[in-house]
Amino acid sequence: MAARRAIGWLVVLVGILALIAGVIYLTVQAKSLPSILGQLHGFTGHRSKRGIAALIVGGVLVLAGGWIAAYRPRRLN
């Protein structure tokens, strides 16, 4: 049971990081992104497709991780 909760919280953490990356993709110009997110020199737009994808994946991971951490199987008497 403790391992399930730890995995759930780890999935929530990864989801939060994906949400943060999605917000960064949508708010920072592509030429100014941190190198880990992939800069595009000379391009002044935003990486909207990656930002939207990161927000969707992050939301799904946060919900799934919360469900994993909170799930408790029923006891049969």
PDB file of N, CA and C in Angstrom:
ATOM      1  N   MET A   1       0.811  -1.186   0.000  1.00  0.00           N
ATOM      2  CA  MET A   1       0.000   0.000   0.000  1.00  0.00           C
ATOM      3  C   MET A   1       0.862   1.261   0.000  1.00  0.00           C
ATOM      4  N   ALA A   2       1.944   1.254   0.756  1.00  0.00           N
ATOM      5  CA  ALA A   2       2.830   2.418   0.808  1.00  0.00           C
ATOM      6  C   ALA A   2       3.532   2.628  -0.523  1.00  0.00           C
ATOM      7  N   ALA A   3       3.864   1.540  -1.203  1.00  0.00           N
ATOM      8  CA  ALA A   3       4.519   1.662  -2.503  1.00  0.00           C
ATOM      9  C   ALA A   3       3.566   2.280  -3.519  1.00  0.00           C
ATOM     10  N   ARG A   4       2.300   1.915  -3.453  1.00  0.00           N
ATOM     11  CA  ARG A   4       1.296   2.482  -4.376  1.00  0.00           C
ATOM     12  C   ARG A   4       1.171   3.985  -4.167  1.00  0.00           C
ATOM     13  N   ARG A   5       1.142   4.408  -2.901  1.00  0.00           N
ATOM     14  CA  ARG A   5       1.043   5.845  -2.615  1.00  0.00           C
ATOM     15  C   ARG A   5       2.285   6.585  -3.090  1.00  0.00           C
ATOM     16  N   ALA A   6       3.466   5.994  -2.908  1.00  0.00           N
ATOM     17  CA  ALA A   6       4.699   6.636  -3.355  1.00  0.00           C
ATOM     18  C   ALA A   6       4.721   6.778  -4.875  1.00  0.00           C
ATOM     19  N   ILE A   7       4.291   5.747  -5.572  1.00  0.00           N
ATOM     20  CA  ILE A   7       4.234   5.819  -7.036  1.00  0.00           C
ATOM     21  C   ILE A   7       3.216   6.866  -7.465  1.00  0.00           C
ATOM     22  N   GLY A   8       2.098   6.933  -6.783  1.00  0.00           N
ATOM     23  CA  GLY A   8       1.088   7.938  -7.092  1.00  0.00           C
ATOM     24  C   GLY A   8       1.613   9.348  -6.953  1.00  0.00           C
ATOM     25  N   TRP A   9       2.319   9.597  -5.853  1.00  0.00           N
ATOM     26  CA  TRP A   9       2.873  10.932  -5.650  1.00  0.00           C
ATOM     27  C   TRP A   9       3.980  11.232  -6.651  1.00  0.00           C
ATOM     28  N   LEU A  10       4.731  10.233  -7.062  1.00  0.00           N
ATOM     29  CA  LEU A  10       5.758  10.440  -8.075  1.00  0.00           C
ATOM     30  C   LEU A  10       5.123  10.806  -9.417  1.00  0.00           C
ATOM     31  N   VAL A  11       4.030  10.148  -9.768  1.00  0.00           N
ATOM     32  CA  VAL A  11       3.321  10.469 -11.010  1.00  0.00           C
ATOM     33  C   VAL A  11       2.742  11.878 -10.940  1.00  0.00           C
ATOM     34  N   VAL A  12       2.221  12.276  -9.786  1.00  0.00           N
ATOM     35  CA  VAL A  12       1.717  13.646  -9.610  1.00  0.00           C
ATOM     36  C   VAL A  12       2.850  14.652  -9.804  1.00  0.00           C
ATOM     37  N   LEU A  13       4.013  14.375  -9.255  1.00  0.00           N
ATOM     38  CA  LEU A  13       5.156  15.272  -9.397  1.00  0.00           C
ATOM     39  C   LEU A  13       5.565  15.427 -10.862  1.00  0.00           C
ATOM     40  N   VAL A  14       5.621  14.329 -11.595  1.00  0.00           N
ATOM     41  CA  VAL A  14       5.962  14.390 -13.019  1.00  0.00           C
ATOM     42  C   VAL A  14       4.900  15.181 -13.773  1.00  0.00           C
ATOM     43  N   GLY A  15       3.641  15.009 -13.401  1.00  0.00           N
ATOM     44  CA  GLY A  15       2.561  15.768 -14.023  1.00  0.00           C
ATOM     45  C   GLY A  15       2.691  17.255 -13.781  1.00  0.00           C
ATOM     46  N   ILE A  16       3.048  17.635 -12.566  1.00  0.00           N
ATOM     47  CA  ILE A  16       3.240  19.055 -12.252  1.00  0.00           C
ATOM     48  C   ILE A  16       4.399  19.625 -13.062  1.00  0.00           C
ATOM     49  N   LEU A  17       5.478  18.862 -13.206  1.00  0.00           N
ATOM     50  CA  LEU A  17       6.601  19.322 -14.025  1.00  0.00           C
ATOM     51  C   LEU A  17       6.187  19.489 -15.489  1.00  0.00           C
ATOM     52  N   ALA A  18       5.338  18.593 -15.991  1.00  0.00           N
ATOM     53  CA  ALA A  18       4.841  18.718 -17.361  1.00  0.00           C
ATOM     54  C   ALA A  18       3.956  19.952 -17.509  1.00  0.00           C
ATOM     55  N   LEU A  19       3.146  20.247 -16.506  1.00  0.00           N
ATOM     56  CA  LEU A  19       2.325  21.451 -16.544  1.00  0.00           C
ATOM     57  C   LEU A  19       3.186  22.710 -16.566  1.00  0.00           C
ATOM     58  N   ILE A  20       4.240  22.715 -15.778  1.00  0.00           N
ATOM     59  CA  ILE A  20       5.158  23.853 -15.762  1.00  0.00           C
ATOM     60  C   ILE A  20       5.829  24.022 -17.128  1.00  0.00           C
ATOM     61  N   ALA A  21       6.263  22.913 -17.715  1.00  0.00           N
ATOM     62  CA  ALA A  21       6.878  22.979 -19.044  1.00  0.00           C
ATOM     63  C   ALA A  21       5.881  23.495 -20.075  1.00  0.00           C
ATOM     64  N   GLY A  22       4.625  23.080 -19.981  1.00  0.00           N
ATOM     65  CA  GLY A  22       3.603  23.554 -20.910  1.00  0.00           C
ATOM     66  C   GLY A  22       3.396  25.050 -20.807  1.00  0.00           C
ATOM     67  N   VAL A  23       3.360  25.565 -19.591  1.00  0.00           N
ATOM     68  CA  VAL A  23       3.200  27.007 -19.405  1.00  0.00           C
ATOM     69  C   VAL A  23       4.415  27.745 -19.964  1.00  0.00           C
ATOM     70  N   ILE A  24       5.599  27.210 -19.749  1.00  0.00           N
ATOM     71  CA  ILE A  24       6.809  27.839 -20.283  1.00  0.00           C
ATOM     72  C   ILE A  24       6.776  27.847 -21.804  1.00  0.00           C
ATOM     73  N   TYR A  25       6.391  26.728 -22.418  1.00  0.00           N
ATOM     74  CA  TYR A  25       6.297  26.664 -23.875  1.00  0.00           C
ATOM     75  C   TYR A  25       5.332  27.712 -24.424  1.00  0.00           C
ATOM     76  N   LEU A  26       4.233  27.955 -23.726  1.00  0.00           N
ATOM     77  CA  LEU A  26       3.222  28.875 -24.234  1.00  0.00           C
ATOM     78  C   LEU A  26       3.526  30.339 -23.941  1.00  0.00           C
ATOM     79  N   THR A  27       4.378  30.621 -22.967  1.00  0.00           N
ATOM     80  CA  THR A  27       4.612  32.011 -22.588  1.00  0.00           C
ATOM     81  C   THR A  27       5.962  32.558 -23.016  1.00  0.00           C
ATOM     82  N   VAL A  28       6.943  31.720 -23.254  1.00  0.00           N
ATOM     83  CA  VAL A  28       8.294  32.176 -23.606  1.00  0.00           C
ATOM     84  C   VAL A  28       8.509  31.965 -25.105  1.00  0.00           C
ATOM     85  N   GLN A  29       9.097  32.949 -25.751  1.00  0.00           N
ATOM     86  CA  GLN A  29       9.387  32.811 -27.177  1.00  0.00           C
ATOM     87  C   GLN A  29      10.367  31.674 -27.408  1.00  0.00           C
ATOM     88  N   ALA A  30      10.250  31.043 -28.578  1.00  0.00           N
ATOM     89  CA  ALA A  30      11.062  29.867 -28.884  1.00  0.00           C
ATOM     90  C   ALA A  30      12.550  30.168 -28.852  1.00  0.00           C
ATOM     91  N   LYS A  31      12.950  31.382 -29.220  1.00  0.00           N
ATOM     92  CA  LYS A  31      14.382  31.707 -29.214  1.00  0.00           C
ATOM     93  C   LYS A  31      14.915  31.945 -27.801  1.00  0.00           C
ATOM     94  N   SER A  32      14.018  32.128 -26.822  1.00  0.00           N
ATOM     95  CA  SER A  32      14.427  32.402 -25.450  1.00  0.00           C
ATOM     96  C   SER A  32      14.212  31.225 -24.500  1.00  0.00           C
ATOM     97  N   LEU A  33      13.794  30.084 -25.033  1.00  0.00           N
ATOM     98  CA  LEU A  33      13.557  28.919 -24.182  1.00  0.00           C
ATOM     99  C   LEU A  33      14.859  28.418 -23.565  1.00  0.00           C
ATOM    100  N   PRO A  34      14.784  27.800 -22.389  1.00  0.00           N
ATOM    101  CA  PRO A  34      15.973  27.152 -21.838  1.00  0.00           C
ATOM    102  C   PRO A  34      16.445  26.051 -22.799  1.00  0.00           C
ATOM    103  N   SER A  35      17.728  25.788 -22.820  1.00  0.00           N
ATOM    104  CA  SER A  35      18.285  24.846 -23.793  1.00  0.00           C
ATOM    105  C   SER A  35      17.702  23.443 -23.640  1.00  0.00           C
ATOM    106  N   ILE A  36      17.286  23.071 -22.444  1.00  0.00           N
ATOM    107  CA  ILE A  36      16.730  21.732 -22.233  1.00  0.00           C
ATOM    108  C   ILE A  36      15.382  21.567 -22.945  1.00  0.00           C
ATOM    109  N   LEU A  37      14.680  22.680 -23.211  1.00  0.00           N
ATOM    110  CA  LEU A  37      13.391  22.624 -23.887  1.00  0.00           C
ATOM    111  C   LEU A  37      13.515  22.819 -25.400  1.00  0.00           C
ATOM    112  N   GLY A  38      14.683  23.104 -25.900  1.00  0.00           N
ATOM    113  CA  GLY A  38      14.898  23.199 -27.332  1.00  0.00           C
ATOM    114  C   GLY A  38      14.694  24.591 -27.897  1.00  0.00           C
ATOM    115  N   GLN A  39      15.759  25.366 -27.975  1.00  0.00           N
ATOM    116  CA  GLN A  39      15.699  26.707 -28.539  1.00  0.00           C
ATOM    117  C   GLN A  39      15.595  26.654 -30.055  1.00  0.00           C
ATOM    118  N   LEU A  40      14.971  27.663 -30.629  1.00  0.00           N
ATOM    119  CA  LEU A  40      14.963  27.874 -32.072  1.00  0.00           C
ATOM    120  C   LEU A  40      15.454  29.290 -32.306  1.00  0.00           C
ATOM    121  N   HIS A  41      16.687  29.440 -32.737  1.00  0.00           N
ATOM    122  CA  HIS A  41      17.259  30.762 -32.939  1.00  0.00           C
ATOM    123  C   HIS A  41      16.627  31.427 -34.144  1.00  0.00           C
ATOM    124  N   GLY A  42      16.262  32.690 -33.989  1.00  0.00           N
ATOM    125  CA  GLY A  42      15.685  33.450 -35.074  1.00  0.00           C
ATOM    126  C   GLY A  42      14.183  33.293 -35.216  1.00  0.00           C
ATOM    127  N   PHE A  43      13.559  32.456 -34.433  1.00  0.00           N
ATOM    128  CA  PHE A  43      12.113  32.242 -34.492  1.00  0.00           C
ATOM    129  C   PHE A  43      11.480  32.986 -33.330  1.00  0.00           C
ATOM    130  N   THR A  44      10.545  33.906 -33.615  1.00  0.00           N
ATOM    131  CA  THR A  44       9.982  34.748 -32.561  1.00  0.00           C
ATOM    132  C   THR A  44       8.661  34.221 -32.008  1.00  0.00           C
ATOM    133  N   GLY A  45       8.129  33.145 -32.568  1.00  0.00           N
ATOM    134  CA  GLY A  45       6.853  32.601 -32.102  1.00  0.00           C
ATOM    135  C   GLY A  45       7.002  31.738 -30.868  1.00  0.00           C
ATOM    136  N   HIS A  46       5.911  31.105 -30.507  1.00  0.00           N
ATOM    137  CA  HIS A  46       5.890  30.198 -29.369  1.00  0.00           C
ATOM    138  C   HIS A  46       5.717  28.769 -29.880  1.00  0.00           C
ATOM    139  N   ARG A  47       6.090  27.813 -29.085  1.00  0.00           N
ATOM    140  CA  ARG A  47       5.917  26.403 -29.452  1.00  0.00           C
ATOM    141  C   ARG A  47       4.585  25.925 -28.895  1.00  0.00           C
ATOM    142  N   SER A  48       3.520  26.327 -29.593  1.00  0.00           N
ATOM    143  CA  SER A  48       2.164  26.097 -29.098  1.00  0.00           C
ATOM    144  C   SER A  48       1.793  24.627 -29.049  1.00  0.00           C
ATOM    145  N   LYS A  49       2.155  23.853 -30.066  1.00  0.00           N
ATOM    146  CA  LYS A  49       1.776  22.436 -30.084  1.00  0.00           C
ATOM    147  C   LYS A  49       2.412  21.690 -28.918  1.00  0.00           C
ATOM    148  N   ARG A  50       3.675  21.960 -28.662  1.00  0.00           N
ATOM    149  CA  ARG A  50       4.344  21.302 -27.527  1.00  0.00           C
ATOM    150  C   ARG A  50       3.746  21.767 -26.204  1.00  0.00           C
ATOM    151  N   GLY A  51       3.399  23.049 -26.122  1.00  0.00           N
ATOM    152  CA  GLY A  51       2.811  23.574 -24.900  1.00  0.00           C
ATOM    153  C   GLY A  51       1.465  22.951 -24.595  1.00  0.00           C
ATOM    154  N   ILE A  52       0.616  22.848 -25.615  1.00  0.00           N
ATOM    155  CA  ILE A  52      -0.699  22.246 -25.418  1.00  0.00           C
ATOM    156  C   ILE A  52      -0.560  20.769 -25.073  1.00  0.00           C
ATOM    157  N   ALA A  53       0.334  20.073 -25.763  1.00  0.00           N
ATOM    158  CA  ALA A  53       0.549  18.648 -25.476  1.00  0.00           C
ATOM    159  C   ALA A  53       1.058  18.457 -24.046  1.00  0.00           C
ATOM    160  N   ALA A  54       1.979  19.309 -23.616  1.00  0.00           N
ATOM    161  CA  ALA A  54       2.510  19.189 -22.254  1.00  0.00           C
ATOM    162  C   ALA A  54       1.428  19.469 -21.221  1.00  0.00           C
ATOM    163  N   LEU A  55       0.537  20.426 -21.497  1.00  0.00           N
ATOM    164  CA  LEU A  55      -0.550  20.707 -20.562  1.00  0.00           C
ATOM    165  C   LEU A  55      -1.522  19.531 -20.468  1.00  0.00           C
ATOM    166  N   ILE A  56      -1.832  18.923 -21.608  1.00  0.00           N
ATOM    167  CA  ILE A  56      -2.751  17.778 -21.596  1.00  0.00           C
ATOM    168  C   ILE A  56      -2.128  16.595 -20.862  1.00  0.00           C
ATOM    169  N   VAL A  57      -0.875  16.276 -21.193  1.00  0.00           N
ATOM    170  CA  VAL A  57      -0.191  15.152 -20.539  1.00  0.00           C
ATOM    171  C   VAL A  57      -0.042  15.423 -19.049  1.00  0.00           C
ATOM    172  N   GLY A  58       0.318  16.646 -18.686  1.00  0.00           N
ATOM    173  CA  GLY A  58       0.462  16.995 -17.279  1.00  0.00           C
ATOM    174  C   GLY A  58      -0.833  16.852 -16.512  1.00  0.00           C
ATOM    175  N   GLY A  59      -1.941  17.307 -17.111  1.00  0.00           N
ATOM    176  CA  GLY A  59      -3.237  17.170 -16.459  1.00  0.00           C
ATOM    177  C   GLY A  59      -3.632  15.720 -16.259  1.00  0.00           C
ATOM    178  N   VAL A  60      -3.401  14.902 -17.282  1.00  0.00           N
ATOM    179  CA  VAL A  60      -3.723  13.477 -17.176  1.00  0.00           C
ATOM    180  C   VAL A  60      -2.867  12.815 -16.102  1.00  0.00           C
ATOM    181  N   LEU A  61      -1.585  13.153 -16.054  1.00  0.00           N
ATOM    182  CA  LEU A  61      -0.701  12.555 -15.050  1.00  0.00           C
ATOM    183  C   LEU A  61      -1.078  12.972 -13.631  1.00  0.00           C
ATOM    184  N   VAL A  62      -1.444  14.233 -13.448  1.00  0.00           N
ATOM    185  CA  VAL A  62      -1.846  14.682 -12.111  1.00  0.00           C
ATOM    186  C   VAL A  62      -3.102  13.948 -11.666  1.00  0.00           C
ATOM    187  N   LEU A  63      -4.089  13.830 -12.565  1.00  0.00           N
ATOM    188  CA  LEU A  63      -5.316  13.111 -12.203  1.00  0.00           C
ATOM    189  C   LEU A  63      -5.049  11.631 -11.941  1.00  0.00           C
ATOM    190  N   ALA A  64      -4.257  10.996 -12.806  1.00  0.00           N
ATOM    191  CA  ALA A  64      -3.961   9.569 -12.632  1.00  0.00           C
ATOM    192  C   ALA A  64      -3.154   9.334 -11.359  1.00  0.00           C
ATOM    193  N   GLY A  65      -2.167  10.180 -11.107  1.00  0.00           N
ATOM    194  CA  GLY A  65      -1.367  10.026  -9.893  1.00  0.00           C
ATOM    195  C   GLY A  65      -2.181  10.227  -8.633  1.00  0.00           C
ATOM    196  N   GLY A  66      -3.090  11.196  -8.657  1.00  0.00           N
ATOM    197  CA  GLY A  66      -3.976  11.405  -7.513  1.00  0.00           C
ATOM    198  C   GLY A  66      -4.880  10.209  -7.282  1.00  0.00           C
ATOM    199  N   TRP A  67      -5.376   9.619  -8.365  1.00  0.00           N
ATOM    200  CA  TRP A  67      -6.226   8.438  -8.236  1.00  0.00           C
ATOM    201  C   TRP A  67      -5.417   7.258  -7.690  1.00  0.00           C
ATOM    202  N   ILE A  68      -4.198   7.075  -8.195  1.00  0.00           N
ATOM    203  CA  ILE A  68      -3.353   5.976  -7.720  1.00  0.00           C
ATOM    204  C   ILE A  68      -3.045   6.141  -6.233  1.00  0.00           C
ATOM    205  N   ALA A  69      -2.724   7.375  -5.823  1.00  0.00           N
ATOM    206  CA  ALA A  69      -2.360   7.610  -4.423  1.00  0.00           C
ATOM    207  C   ALA A  69      -3.562   7.466  -3.492  1.00  0.00           C
ATOM    208  N   ALA A  70      -4.765   7.804  -3.970  1.00  0.00           N
ATOM    209  CA  ALA A  70      -5.935   7.793  -3.106  1.00  0.00           C
ATOM    210  C   ALA A  70      -6.710   6.482  -3.152  1.00  0.00           C
ATOM    211  N   TYR A  71      -6.447   5.632  -4.122  1.00  0.00           N
ATOM    212  CA  TYR A  71      -7.216   4.398  -4.291  1.00  0.00           C
ATOM    213  C   TYR A  71      -6.958   3.436  -3.137  1.00  0.00           C
ATOM    214  N   ARG A  72      -8.023   2.945  -2.585  1.00  0.00           N
ATOM    215  CA  ARG A  72      -7.933   1.937  -1.532  1.00  0.00           C
ATOM    216  C   ARG A  72      -8.894   0.809  -1.898  1.00  0.00           C
ATOM    217  N   PRO A  73      -8.376  -0.395  -2.088  1.00  0.00           N
ATOM    218  CA  PRO A  73      -9.257  -1.495  -2.458  1.00  0.00           C
ATOM    219  C   PRO A  73     -10.257  -1.814  -1.346  1.00  0.00           C
ATOM    220  N   ARG A  74     -11.415  -2.258  -1.753  1.00  0.00           N
ATOM    221  CA  ARG A  74     -12.446  -2.623  -0.778  1.00  0.00           C
ATOM    222  C   ARG A  74     -12.098  -3.927  -0.107  1.00  0.00           C
ATOM    223  N   ARG A  75     -12.422  -4.005   1.164  1.00  0.00           N
ATOM    224  CA  ARG A  75     -12.214  -5.253   1.904  1.00  0.00           C
ATOM    225  C   ARG A  75     -13.480  -6.082   1.809  1.00  0.00           C
ATOM    226  N   LEU A  76     -13.321  -7.323   1.507  1.00  0.00           N
ATOM    227  CA  LEU A  76     -14.450  -8.234   1.476  1.00  0.00           C
ATOM    228  C   LEU A  76     -14.535  -8.964   2.804  1.00  0.00           C
ATOM    229  N   ASN A  77     -15.673  -8.918   3.420  1.00  0.00           N
ATOM    230  CA  ASN A  77     -15.840  -9.571   4.721  1.00  0.00           C
ATOM    231  C   ASN A  77     -16.320 -10.986   4.563  1.00  0.00           C
TER     232      ASN A  77
END
